[in-house]
C-alpha atoms as a PDB file:
ATOM      1  CA  MET A   1      -0.011   0.093   0.119  1.00  0.00           C
ATOM      2  CA  LEU A   2       1.291   3.520  -0.926  1.00  0.00           C
ATOM      3  CA  ILE A   3       1.337   5.908   1.978  1.00  0.00           C
ATOM      4  CA  HIS A   4       2.060   9.580   1.611  1.00  0.00           C
ATOM      5  CA  GLY A   5       1.472  12.994   3.541  1.00  0.00           C
ATOM      6  CA  THR A   6       0.022  12.491   6.937  1.00  0.00           C
ATOM      7  CA  GLN A   7      -0.802   8.822   6.167  1.00  0.00           C
ATOM      8  CA  TYR A   8       3.093   8.133   6.473  1.00  0.00           C
ATOM      9  CA  PHE A   9       3.462   8.793  10.238  1.00  0.00           C
ATOM     10  CA  ASP A  10      -0.131   7.863  10.858  1.00  0.00           C
ATOM     11  CA  GLU A  11       0.689   4.348   9.649  1.00  0.00           C
ATOM     12  CA  LEU A  12       3.925   4.312  11.521  1.00  0.00           C
ATOM     13  CA  LYS A  13       2.238   5.278  14.795  1.00  0.00           C
ATOM     14  CA  ASP A  14      -0.466   2.465  14.287  1.00  0.00           C
ATOM     15  CA  ALA A  15       2.261  -0.238  13.366  1.00  0.00           C
ATOM     16  CA  LEU A  16       4.322   0.618  16.582  1.00  0.00           C
ATOM     17  CA  THR A  17       1.040   0.846  18.812  1.00  0.00           C
ATOM     18  CA  LYS A  18       0.129  -2.716  17.836  1.00  0.00           C
ATOM     19  CA  ALA A  19       3.673  -4.294  17.719  1.00  0.00           C
ATOM     20  CA  LYS A  20       5.243  -6.480  20.237  1.00  0.00           C
ATOM     21  CA  GLN A  21       8.740  -6.286  18.343  1.00  0.00           C
ATOM     22  CA  ALA A  22       9.896  -3.531  16.316  1.00  0.00           C
ATOM     23  CA  SER A  23      13.188  -3.000  14.570  1.00  0.00           C
ATOM     24  CA  LEU A  24      13.864   0.451  12.992  1.00  0.00           C
ATOM     25  CA  ALA A  25      16.758   1.490  10.752  1.00  0.00           C
ATOM     26  CA  VAL A  26      15.974   5.201  10.305  1.00  0.00           C
ATOM     27  CA  ALA A  27      18.910   7.396   9.919  1.00  0.00           C
ATOM     28  CA  PHE A  28      17.924  10.728  11.299  1.00  0.00           C
ATOM     29  CA  TRP A  29      15.878  11.607  14.435  1.00  0.00           C
ATOM     30  CA  GLY A  30      14.650  15.071  15.472  1.00  0.00           C
ATOM     31  CA  SER A  31      12.969  16.548  18.622  1.00  0.00           C
ATOM     32  CA  GLY A  32       9.751  14.908  19.569  1.00  0.00           C
ATOM     33  CA  ALA A  33      10.651  11.545  18.189  1.00  0.00           C
ATOM     34  CA  ALA A  34       9.814   9.866  21.388  1.00  0.00           C
ATOM     35  CA  ARG A  35       6.121  10.729  20.792  1.00  0.00           C
ATOM     36  CA  LEU A  36       5.989   8.062  18.029  1.00  0.00           C
ATOM     37  CA  PHE A  37       6.226   5.395  21.018  1.00  0.00           C
ATOM     38  CA  ASN A  38       3.578   7.056  23.346  1.00  0.00           C
ATOM     39  CA  GLU A  39       1.407   3.861  22.980  1.00  0.00           C
ATOM     40  CA  TRP A  40       4.315   1.526  22.627  1.00  0.00           C
ATOM     41  CA  ARG A  41       3.743  -1.587  24.945  1.00  0.00           C
ATOM     42  CA  GLY A  42       5.956  -4.091  23.087  1.00  0.00           C
ATOM     43  CA  ASN A  43       8.766  -6.210  24.602  1.00  0.00           C
ATOM     44  CA  SER A  44      11.647  -5.657  21.950  1.00  0.00           C
ATOM     45  CA  LEU A  45      12.411  -2.196  20.388  1.00  0.00           C
ATOM     46  CA  ARG A  46      15.658  -1.999  18.406  1.00  0.00           C
ATOM     47  CA  ILE A  47      16.742   1.277  16.575  1.00  0.00           C
ATOM     48  CA  ILE A  48      19.789   1.893  14.361  1.00  0.00           C
ATOM     49  CA  CYS A  49      20.449   5.516  13.648  1.00  0.00           C
ATOM     50  CA  ASN A  50      23.280   7.907  12.091  1.00  0.00           C
ATOM     51  CA  LEU A  51      24.952  10.049  14.577  1.00  0.00           C
ATOM     52  CA  ALA A  52      27.818  11.059  12.560  1.00  0.00           C
ATOM     53  CA  SER A  53      26.518  13.420   9.814  1.00  0.00           C
ATOM     54  CA  GLY A  54      24.634  15.935  12.102  1.00  0.00           C
ATOM     55  CA  GLY A  55      21.031  14.986  10.922  1.00  0.00           C
ATOM     56  CA  THR A  56      20.175  13.424  14.364  1.00  0.00           C
ATOM     57  CA  ASN A  57      19.335  15.325  17.262  1.00  0.00           C
ATOM     58  CA  PRO A  58      21.164  13.668  20.161  1.00  0.00           C
ATOM     59  CA  ASN A  59      18.636  14.856  22.639  1.00  0.00           C
ATOM     60  CA  ALA A  60      15.973  12.772  20.798  1.00  0.00           C
ATOM     61  CA  ILE A  61      18.263   9.611  21.185  1.00  0.00           C
ATOM     62  CA  ARG A  62      18.477  10.470  24.953  1.00  0.00           C
ATOM     63  CA  GLU A  63      14.824  10.521  25.289  1.00  0.00           C
ATOM     64  CA  LEU A  64      14.317   7.319  23.464  1.00  0.00           C
ATOM     65  CA  ARG A  65      16.806   5.463  25.643  1.00  0.00           C
ATOM     66  CA  LYS A  66      14.399   6.030  28.427  1.00  0.00           C
ATOM     67  CA  LEU A  67      11.854   3.701  26.957  1.00  0.00           C
ATOM     68  CA  ALA A  68      11.400   0.338  28.069  1.00  0.00           C
ATOM     69  CA  ASN A  69      12.904  -2.711  26.391  1.00  0.00           C
ATOM     70  CA  ILE A  70      14.897  -0.504  23.844  1.00  0.00           C
ATOM     71  CA  GLU A  71      18.446  -0.967  22.412  1.00  0.00           C
ATOM     72  CA  ILE A  72      19.835   1.731  20.319  1.00  0.00           C
ATOM     73  CA  ARG A  73      22.870   1.378  17.946  1.00  0.00           C
ATOM     74  CA  HIS A  74      24.476   3.567  15.367  1.00  0.00           C
ATOM     75  CA  LEU A  75      26.030   3.386  11.809  1.00  0.00           C
ATOM     76  CA  SER A  76      27.882   6.321  10.394  1.00  0.00           C
ATOM     77  CA  ASP A  77      26.803   5.551   6.927  1.00  0.00           C
ATOM     78  CA  LEU A  78      23.313   4.698   7.417  1.00  0.00           C
ATOM     79  CA  HIS A  79      20.643   6.415   5.217  1.00  0.00           C
ATOM     80  CA  ALA A  80      17.846   3.920   5.323  1.00  0.00           C
ATOM     81  CA  LYS A  81      14.201   4.461   6.450  1.00  0.00           C
ATOM     82  CA  LEU A  82      12.968   1.019   7.306  1.00  0.00           C
ATOM     83  CA  VAL A  83      10.449   0.080   9.950  1.00  0.00           C
ATOM     84  CA  LEU A  84       9.930  -3.642  10.640  1.00  0.00           C
ATOM     85  CA  THR A  85       7.317  -4.956  13.140  1.00  0.00           C
ATOM     86  CA  ASP A  86       5.932  -8.575  13.755  1.00  0.00           C
ATOM     87  CA  SER A  87       3.221  -7.676  11.247  1.00  0.00           C
ATOM     88  CA  ARG A  88       4.236  -4.976   9.081  1.00  0.00           C
ATOM     89  CA  LEU A  89       7.047  -3.587   6.928  1.00  0.00           C
ATOM     90  CA  ILE A  90       7.350   0.313   6.243  1.00  0.00           C
ATOM     91  CA  LEU A  91       9.729   1.687   3.725  1.00  0.00           C
ATOM     92  CA  GLY A  92       9.887   5.118   2.457  1.00  0.00           C
ATOM     93  CA  SER A  93      11.509   8.602   2.158  1.00  0.00           C
ATOM     94  CA  ALA A  94      10.871   9.931   5.577  1.00  0.00           C
ATOM     95  CA  ASN A  95      13.320  10.044   8.639  1.00  0.00           C
ATOM     96  CA  VAL A  96      12.042  11.282  12.068  1.00  0.00           C
ATOM     97  CA  SER A  97      13.398  14.504  11.293  1.00  0.00           C
ATOM     98  CA  ALA A  98      13.600  16.152   7.777  1.00  0.00           C
ATOM     99  CA  ASN A  99      16.013  14.363   5.497  1.00  0.00           C
ATOM    100  CA  GLY A 100      19.138  14.749   7.620  1.00  0.00           C
ATOM    101  CA  LEU A 101      19.045  18.675   7.137  1.00  0.00           C
ATOM    102  CA  GLY A 102      19.096  19.206  10.766  1.00  0.00           C
ATOM    103  CA  LEU A 103      15.439  20.064  10.850  1.00  0.00           C
ATOM    104  CA  GLU A 104      12.898  19.156  13.518  1.00  0.00           C
ATOM    105  CA  LEU A 105       9.517  17.618  13.390  1.00  0.00           C
ATOM    106  CA  ASP A 106       7.549  20.909  13.471  1.00  0.00           C
ATOM    107  CA  GLU A 107       9.817  22.164  10.711  1.00  0.00           C
ATOM    108  CA  MET A 108       8.789  19.420   8.459  1.00  0.00           C
ATOM    109  CA  VAL A 109       5.596  20.896   7.498  1.00  0.00           C
ATOM    110  CA  GLY A 110       5.350  21.042   3.619  1.00  0.00           C
ATOM    111  CA  TRP A 111       7.847  18.273   2.848  1.00  0.00           C
ATOM    112  CA  ARG A 112       6.312  15.545   0.612  1.00  0.00           C
ATOM    113  CA  GLU A 113       6.965  12.240   1.892  1.00  0.00           C
ATOM    114  CA  ALA A 114       5.879   8.710   0.335  1.00  0.00           C
ATOM    115  CA  GLY A 115       6.464   5.211   1.219  1.00  0.00           C
ATOM    116  CA  ILE A 116       5.287   1.627   1.222  1.00  0.00           C
ATOM    117  CA  SER A 117       3.521  -0.303   3.806  1.00  0.00           C
ATOM    118  CA  THR A 118       2.986  -3.976   3.496  1.00  0.00           C
ATOM    119  CA  LYS A 119       2.281  -6.999   5.530  1.00  0.00           C
ATOM    120  CA  ASP A 120       3.557  -9.451   2.744  1.00  0.00           C
ATOM    121  CA  VAL A 121       5.572 -12.169   4.653  1.00  0.00           C
ATOM    122  CA  THR A 122       8.286 -12.635   1.941  1.00  0.00           C
ATOM    123  CA  GLN A 123       8.994  -8.925   2.031  1.00  0.00           C
ATOM    124  CA  ARG A 124       9.210  -8.744   5.685  1.00  0.00           C
ATOM    125  CA  GLN A 125      11.637 -11.823   5.978  1.00  0.00           C
ATOM    126  CA  SER A 126      13.986 -10.109   3.359  1.00  0.00           C
ATOM    127  CA  ALA A 127      13.793  -6.957   5.564  1.00  0.00           C
ATOM    128  CA  SER A 128      14.591  -8.826   8.730  1.00  0.00           C
ATOM    129  CA  VAL A 129      17.662 -10.519   6.913  1.00  0.00           C
ATOM    130  CA  TRP A 130      18.759  -7.129   5.896  1.00  0.00           C
ATOM    131  CA  PHE A 131      18.132  -5.511   9.247  1.00  0.00           C
ATOM    132  CA  GLU A 132      20.123  -8.271  11.205  1.00  0.00           C
ATOM    133  CA  GLN A 133      23.217  -7.622   8.809  1.00  0.00           C
ATOM    134  CA  GLN A 134      23.123  -3.961   9.856  1.00  0.00           C
ATOM    135  CA  TRP A 135      22.470  -4.556  13.427  1.00  0.00           C
ATOM    136  CA  GLN A 136      25.511  -6.755  13.734  1.00  0.00           C
ATOM    137  CA  GLU A 137      27.766  -4.012  12.128  1.00  0.00           C
ATOM    138  CA  ALA A 138      26.260  -1.062  14.412  1.00  0.00           C
ATOM    139  CA  GLN A 139      27.786   0.183  17.432  1.00  0.00           C
ATOM    140  CA  LEU A 140      25.841   0.636  20.738  1.00  0.00           C
ATOM    141  CA  VAL A 141      25.134   4.069  21.390  1.00  0.00           C
ATOM    142  CA  THR A 142      27.098   5.518  24.473  1.00  0.00           C
ATOM    143  CA  ASP A 143      27.156   8.761  26.354  1.00  0.00           C
ATOM    144  CA  ALA A 144      30.391   9.690  24.744  1.00  0.00           C
ATOM    145  CA  ASP A 145      28.784   9.220  21.374  1.00  0.00           C
ATOM    146  CA  LEU A 146      25.899  11.463  21.924  1.00  0.00           C
ATOM    147  CA  ASP A 147      28.400  14.155  23.478  1.00  0.00           C
ATOM    148  CA  ALA A 148      30.451  14.008  20.278  1.00  0.00           C
ATOM    149  CA  ALA A 149      27.314  14.021  18.135  1.00  0.00           C
ATOM    150  CA  SER A 150      26.040  17.153  20.009  1.00  0.00           C
ATOM    151  CA  ALA A 151      28.631  19.453  18.459  1.00  0.00           C
ATOM    152  CA  VAL A 152      27.867  18.212  14.920  1.00  0.00           C
ATOM    153  CA  TRP A 153      24.332  18.493  15.458  1.00  0.00           C
ATOM    154  CA  GLN A 154      24.588  22.017  16.659  1.00  0.00           C
ATOM    155  CA  ARG A 155      26.626  23.130  13.668  1.00  0.00           C
ATOM    156  CA  ARG A 156      24.093  21.515  11.298  1.00  0.00           C
ATOM    157  CA  ARG A 157      21.205  23.290  13.116  1.00  0.00           C
ATOM    158  CA  GLN A 158      22.929  26.602  12.661  1.00  0.00           C
ATOM    159  CA  ALA A 159      23.379  26.121   8.954  1.00  0.00           C
ATOM    160  CA  ARG A 160      20.056  24.447   8.180  1.00  0.00           C
ATOM    161  CA  PRO A 161      17.817  25.892   5.424  1.00  0.00           C
ATOM    162  CA  ARG A 162      15.687  28.989   6.208  1.00  0.00           C
ATOM    163  CA  LEU A 163      12.010  27.677   6.114  1.00  0.00           C
ATOM    164  CA  ASN A 164      10.982  31.300   6.664  1.00  0.00           C
ATOM    165  CA  LEU A 165       8.012  33.245   6.076  1.00  0.00           C
ATOM    166  CA  GLY A 166       9.738  36.340   4.824  1.00  0.00           C
ATOM    167  CA  GLN A 167      13.004  38.228   4.844  1.00  0.00           C
ATOM    168  CA  SER A 168      12.632  39.938   8.191  1.00  0.00           C
ATOM    169  CA  LEU A 169      13.668  38.341  11.547  1.00  0.00           C
ATOM    170  CA  ILE A 170      10.417  39.665  13.073  1.00  0.00           C
ATOM    171  CA  GLU A 171       8.454  37.568  10.662  1.00  0.00           C
ATOM    172  CA  GLN A 172       9.926  34.289  11.819  1.00  0.00           C
ATOM    173  CA  PRO A 173       8.088  31.727  13.768  1.00  0.00           C
ATOM    174  CA  PRO A 174       9.841  30.186  16.755  1.00  0.00           C
ATOM    175  CA  HIS A 175      10.624  26.922  15.278  1.00  0.00           C
ATOM    176  CA  VAL A 176      12.721  28.612  12.414  1.00  0.00           C
ATOM    177  CA  LEU A 177      14.731  30.297  15.104  1.00  0.00           C
ATOM    178  CA  ARG A 178      15.349  27.340  17.572  1.00  0.00           C
ATOM    179  CA  ASP A 179      19.142  26.623  17.988  1.00  0.00           C
ATOM    180  CA  ARG A 180      20.074  29.622  15.970  1.00  0.00           C
ATOM    181  CA  PRO A 181      22.853  31.706  17.665  1.00  0.00           C
ATOM    182  CA  ILE A 182      20.741  34.730  18.036  1.00  0.00           C
ATOM    183  CA  TYR A 183      20.238  36.419  21.334  1.00  0.00           C
ATOM    184  CA  LEU A 184      18.728  39.517  22.979  1.00  0.00           C
ATOM    185  CA  ALA A 185      21.377  41.248  24.984  1.00  0.00           C
ATOM    186  CA  VAL A 186      19.389  43.220  27.632  1.00  0.00           C
ATOM    187  CA  PHE A 187      21.240  45.698  29.635  1.00  0.00           C
ATOM    188  CA  ARG A 188      20.010  48.170  32.257  1.00  0.00           C
ATOM    189  CA  GLN A 189      22.738  50.939  32.018  1.00  0.00           C
ATOM    190  CA  TYR A 190      25.086  52.204  29.440  1.00  0.00           C
ATOM    191  CA  ALA A 191      28.822  51.766  29.374  1.00  0.00           C
ATOM    192  CA  SER A 192      30.629  54.328  31.540  1.00  0.00           C
ATOM    193  CA  ASP A 193      33.030  57.250  30.306  1.00  0.00           C
ATOM    194  CA  ARG A 194      35.984  55.107  31.378  1.00  0.00           C
ATOM    195  CA  ALA A 195      34.805  52.122  29.232  1.00  0.00           C
ATOM    196  CA  ARG A 196      34.218  54.527  26.368  1.00  0.00           C
ATOM    197  CA  GLN A 197      37.868  55.808  26.782  1.00  0.00           C
ATOM    198  CA  GLU A 198      38.963  52.047  26.639  1.00  0.00           C
ATOM    199  CA  LEU A 199      37.105  51.667  23.447  1.00  0.00           C
ATOM    200  CA  GLU A 200      38.984  54.665  21.880  1.00  0.00           C
ATOM    201  CA  GLN A 201      42.353  53.162  23.037  1.00  0.00           C
ATOM    202  CA  VAL A 202      41.442  49.814  21.283  1.00  0.00           C
ATOM    203  CA  LYS A 203      40.455  51.816  18.187  1.00  0.00           C
ATOM    204  CA  GLN A 204      43.686  53.776  18.117  1.00  0.00           C
ATOM    205  CA  ALA A 205      45.543  50.537  18.560  1.00  0.00           C
ATOM    206  CA  ILE A 206      43.835  49.230  15.610  1.00  0.00           C
ATOM    207  CA  VAL A 207      44.567  52.338  13.440  1.00  0.00           C
ATOM    208  CA  GLU A 208      48.330  51.907  14.222  1.00  0.00           C
ATOM    209  CA  GLU A 209      48.229  48.108  13.220  1.00  0.00           C
ATOM    210  CA  GLN A 210      45.535  48.307  10.460  1.00  0.00           C
ATOM    211  CA  PRO A 211      45.081  51.871   9.234  1.00  0.00           C
ATOM    212  CA  GLU A 212      42.530  50.648   6.539  1.00  0.00           C
ATOM    213  CA  SER A 213      40.429  48.539   9.111  1.00  0.00           C
ATOM    214  CA  ARG A 214      36.693  48.558   8.721  1.00  0.00           C
ATOM    215  CA  LEU A 215      36.391  47.724  12.355  1.00  0.00           C
ATOM    216  CA  LEU A 216      36.875  51.236  13.736  1.00  0.00           C
ATOM    217  CA  ALA A 217      33.690  52.872  12.905  1.00  0.00           C
ATOM    218  CA  ARG A 218      31.717  49.545  13.770  1.00  0.00           C
ATOM    219  CA  LEU A 219      33.104  48.713  17.382  1.00  0.00           C
ATOM    220  CA  GLU A 220      31.081  48.820  20.412  1.00  0.00           C
ATOM    221  CA  VAL A 221      31.886  48.003  24.096  1.00  0.00           C
ATOM    222  CA  PHE A 222      30.014  45.881  26.702  1.00  0.00           C
ATOM    223  CA  GLU A 223      31.170  46.814  30.235  1.00  0.00           C
ATOM    224  CA  GLY A 224      31.235  44.644  33.355  1.00  0.00           C
ATOM    225  CA  TRP A 225      29.152  41.755  31.918  1.00  0.00           C
ATOM    226  CA  ASP A 226      29.640  38.268  33.809  1.00  0.00           C
ATOM    227  CA  GLU A 227      30.890  35.726  31.360  1.00  0.00           C
ATOM    228  CA  ARG A 228      28.029  33.437  32.339  1.00  0.00           C
ATOM    229  CA  ASP A 229      25.608  36.226  31.031  1.00  0.00           C
ATOM    230  CA  LEU A 230      27.236  37.135  27.835  1.00  0.00           C
ATOM    231  CA  MET A 231      27.421  35.087  24.633  1.00  0.00           C
ATOM    232  CA  ALA A 232      31.081  35.600  23.481  1.00  0.00           C
ATOM    233  CA  ASP A 233      31.044  33.145  20.579  1.00  0.00           C
ATOM    234  CA  PRO A 234      31.854  35.080  17.416  1.00  0.00           C
ATOM    235  CA  GLU A 235      29.322  33.116  15.604  1.00  0.00           C
ATOM    236  CA  SER A 236      26.605  34.585  17.827  1.00  0.00           C
ATOM    237  CA  THR A 237      24.455  37.699  16.883  1.00  0.00           C
ATOM    238  CA  LEU A 238      23.446  39.857  19.706  1.00  0.00           C
ATOM    239  CA  ILE A 239      20.474  42.345  19.470  1.00  0.00           C
ATOM    240  CA  GLN A 240      21.168  45.119  22.023  1.00  0.00           C
ATOM    241  CA  VAL A 241      18.042  45.915  24.227  1.00  0.00           C
ATOM    242  CA  TYR A 242      18.231  48.702  26.640  1.00  0.00           C
ATOM    243  CA  TRP A 243      15.764  48.408  29.393  1.00  0.00           C
ATOM    244  CA  GLY A 244      15.696  51.447  31.659  1.00  0.00           C
ATOM    245  CA  SER A 245      14.920  51.744  35.310  1.00  0.00           C
ATOM    246  CA  ARG A 246      11.584  53.517  34.477  1.00  0.00           C
ATOM    247  CA  GLY A 247      10.471  50.796  31.934  1.00  0.00           C
ATOM    248  CA  ARG A 248      11.963  52.583  28.874  1.00  0.00           C
ATOM    249  CA  VAL A 249      12.839  50.151  25.998  1.00  0.00           C
ATOM    250  CA  LEU A 250      15.226  50.834  23.125  1.00  0.00           C
ATOM    251  CA  ILE A 251      16.695  48.606  20.406  1.00  0.00           C
ATOM    252  CA  HIS A 252      20.183  49.484  19.527  1.00  0.00           C
ATOM    253  CA  ASP A 253      22.582  48.065  17.018  1.00  0.00           C
ATOM    254  CA  VAL A 254      22.890  44.363  16.222  1.00  0.00           C
ATOM    255  CA  VAL A 255      26.449  43.204  16.893  1.00  0.00           C
ATOM    256  CA  ARG A 256      28.901  40.290  16.849  1.00  0.00           C
ATOM    257  CA  PRO A 257      31.344  39.541  19.645  1.00  0.00           C
ATOM    258  CA  VAL A 258      35.073  39.887  18.834  1.00  0.00           C
ATOM    259  CA  PRO A 259      36.525  37.904  21.781  1.00  0.00           C
ATOM    260  CA  GLU A 260      40.215  38.397  20.702  1.00  0.00           C
ATOM    261  CA  LEU A 261      39.715  42.143  21.817  1.00  0.00           C
ATOM    262  CA  GLN A 262      38.560  41.328  25.217  1.00  0.00           C
ATOM    263  CA  SER A 263      40.271  43.466  28.084  1.00  0.00           C
ATOM    264  CA  PHE A 264      39.595  44.966  31.389  1.00  0.00           C
ATOM    265  CA  TYR A 265      40.385  47.939  33.704  1.00  0.00           C
ATOM    266  CA  ILE A 266      40.770  48.205  37.274  1.00  0.00           C
ATOM    267  CA  ASP A 267      38.039  50.261  39.200  1.00  0.00           C
ATOM    268  CA  GLN A 268      40.291  51.970  41.823  1.00  0.00           C
ATOM    269  CA  ASP A 269      37.448  53.096  43.987  1.00  0.00           C
ATOM    270  CA  GLU A 270      36.123  49.403  44.351  1.00  0.00           C
ATOM    271  CA  ASN A 271      39.557  47.786  43.567  1.00  0.00           C
ATOM    272  CA  GLU A 272      37.709  45.570  41.061  1.00  0.00           C
ATOM    273  CA  LYS A 273      38.503  44.295  37.677  1.00  0.00           C
ATOM    274  CA  ILE A 274      35.891  45.386  35.159  1.00  0.00           C
ATOM    275  CA  MET A 275      35.714  43.264  32.055  1.00  0.00           C
ATOM    276  CA  LEU A 276      35.173  44.925  28.522  1.00  0.00           C
ATOM    277  CA  ASP A 277      33.940  42.846  25.803  1.00  0.00           C
ATOM    278  CA  PHE A 278      34.130  44.295  22.344  1.00  0.00           C
ATOM    279  CA  MET A 279      31.554  43.976  19.568  1.00  0.00           C
ATOM    280  CA  VAL A 280      31.305  44.784  15.912  1.00  0.00           C
ATOM    281  CA  LYS A 281      28.066  46.112  14.410  1.00  0.00           C
ATOM    282  CA  GLN A 282      26.081  44.088  11.827  1.00  0.00           C
ATOM    283  CA  ASN A 283      23.833  44.968   9.229  1.00  0.00           C
ATOM    284  CA  ALA A 284      21.381  41.940   9.470  1.00  0.00           C
ATOM    285  CA  VAL A 285      20.515  39.307  12.100  1.00  0.00           C
ATOM    286  CA  GLY A 286      21.870  35.970  10.637  1.00  0.00           C
ATOM    287  CA  PRO A 287      20.252  35.569   7.313  1.00  0.00           C
ATOM    288  CA  TRP A 288      17.341  38.018   7.890  1.00  0.00           C
ATOM    289  CA  SER A 289      16.925  41.677   7.748  1.00  0.00           C
ATOM    290  CA  PHE A 290      16.388  43.815  10.922  1.00  0.00           C
ATOM    291  CA  ASN A 291      15.583  47.371   9.793  1.00  0.00           C
ATOM    292  CA  ARG A 292      14.289  50.390  11.703  1.00  0.00           C
ATOM    293  CA  ASP A 293      10.571  49.467  11.460  1.00  0.00           C
ATOM    294  CA  ASP A 294      11.561  45.910  12.712  1.00  0.00           C
ATOM    295  CA  ARG A 295      13.223  47.580  15.820  1.00  0.00           C
ATOM    296  CA  LEU A 296      10.185  49.753  16.534  1.00  0.00           C
ATOM    297  CA  ARG A 297       7.938  46.589  16.467  1.00  0.00           C
ATOM    298  CA  LEU A 298      10.332  44.638  18.476  1.00  0.00           C
ATOM    299  CA  ILE A 299      10.322  47.414  21.341  1.00  0.00           C
ATOM    300  CA  GLU A 300       6.380  46.843  21.712  1.00  0.00           C
ATOM    301  CA  GLN A 301       6.768  43.084  21.565  1.00  0.00           C
ATOM    302  CA  VAL A 302       9.606  42.670  23.954  1.00  0.00           C
ATOM    303  CA  ARG A 303       8.303  44.979  26.781  1.00  0.00           C
ATOM    304  CA  PRO A 304       5.884  42.538  28.468  1.00  0.00           C
ATOM    305  CA  TRP A 305       8.275  39.799  28.258  1.00  0.00           C
ATOM    306  CA  LEU A 306      11.068  41.889  29.853  1.00  0.00           C
ATOM    307  CA  GLU A 307       8.762  42.893  32.776  1.00  0.00           C
ATOM    308  CA  LEU A 308       8.434  39.016  33.533  1.00  0.00           C
ATOM    309  CA  ASN A 309      11.803  37.805  32.605  1.00  0.00           C
ATOM    310  CA  GLY A 310      14.424  40.602  32.227  1.00  0.00           C
ATOM    311  CA  PRO A 311      17.560  41.111  34.408  1.00  0.00           C
ATOM    312  CA  GLU A 312      17.713  43.311  37.584  1.00  0.00           C
ATOM    313  CA  ILE A 313      18.932  46.815  37.689  1.00  0.00           C
ATOM    314  CA  GLY A 314      22.813  46.940  37.252  1.00  0.00           C
ATOM    315  CA  GLU A 315      22.769  43.537  35.566  1.00  0.00           C
ATOM    316  CA  GLY A 316      22.958  42.416  31.822  1.00  0.00           C
ATOM    317  CA  ARG A 317      21.983  39.174  30.441  1.00  0.00           C
ATOM    318  CA  CYS A 318      21.749  37.240  26.932  1.00  0.00           C
ATOM    319  CA  TYR A 319      18.580  35.415  26.096  1.00  0.00           C
ATOM    320  CA  PRO A 320      18.124  33.121  23.038  1.00  0.00           C
ATOM    321  CA  PHE A 321      15.814  35.000  20.674  1.00  0.00           C
ATOM    322  CA  TYR A 322      13.891  31.702  20.084  1.00  0.00           C
ATOM    323  CA  GLU A 323      12.930  31.596  23.854  1.00  0.00           C
ATOM    324  CA  PHE A 324      11.298  35.077  23.565  1.00  0.00           C
ATOM    325  CA  ARG A 325       9.364  34.275  20.401  1.00  0.00           C
ATOM    326  CA  GLN A 326       8.255  30.985  21.993  1.00  0.00           C
ATOM    327  CA  TRP A 327       7.088  32.777  24.978  1.00  0.00           C
ATOM    328  CA  GLU A 328       5.007  34.968  22.710  1.00  0.00           C
ATOM    329  CA  LEU A 329       3.394  32.137  21.041  1.00  0.00           C
ATOM    330  CA  ASP A 330       2.739  30.220  24.262  1.00  0.00           C
ATOM    331  CA  ASN A 331       1.107  33.284  25.843  1.00  0.00           C
ATOM    332  CA  HIS A 332      -0.718  34.546  22.706  1.00  0.00           C
ATOM    333  CA  VAL A 333       1.080  38.025  22.932  1.00  0.00           C
END
């Protein structure tokens, strides 16, 4: 029987719900994959996945490992999508994430999947022989394997295709933004005169070494941020959000960290080291535009969220932009 569209996962859920034994060679798994097994009551569940290429979310595998009567192995060259139960064989195009592109289940809307579901005994026997061969070659998934896969997965997530609803950052739904290194850098007070002086000294040093440097007019400074609260990865994009003591909200330049310029000064009054983190201004946020109108819209959107989640006076903190947008969705803001 040909299955396609929503039939595909409906058939898969039905097969797993009724099965006592199930063997799955499915390369890529995404967030929410464990939901396929909500009704699983069988006594033997074997899964082979691919952890090496960045198409599997390691957290999905961690969740699957919690299921009863399950064993999970991995093959670095697996690309199959086979599900075999004691009464059914399903073959098709669908992973339990989108085609190894680093997409998650809720990002798969619009992908056209098709497959075959059969109860034919001969076909199931052939599939069983093939699966056993792969099972013997596969390696048991360990915690170390999952830790190694996490770095590969994160890189793939950041580079995944833009399934966006427009060119503006503000138009993106939360699932498009998940795991992207885009943050709201919320601060309650501006850099001091001393920090601005240090910034000018850094610019002067750059002039002496690189007179033609394009960094000069684009440098900003963050003063006194705790390293736990500031995303210093140069691949990160920070949207500067000023939240004043009287509730005023302003959206400033989008910046990217330049960690090699990090420095400090000593506050003589407090005898305290004050860290200085330097940023370079960006014209866009990741692959999306972020113009003046977008900033004005974001001011109104972010205000109620700040009142519930923002930092205390005198503090600064970075928040994943995805979490803010998900909060909006969850609270119908």
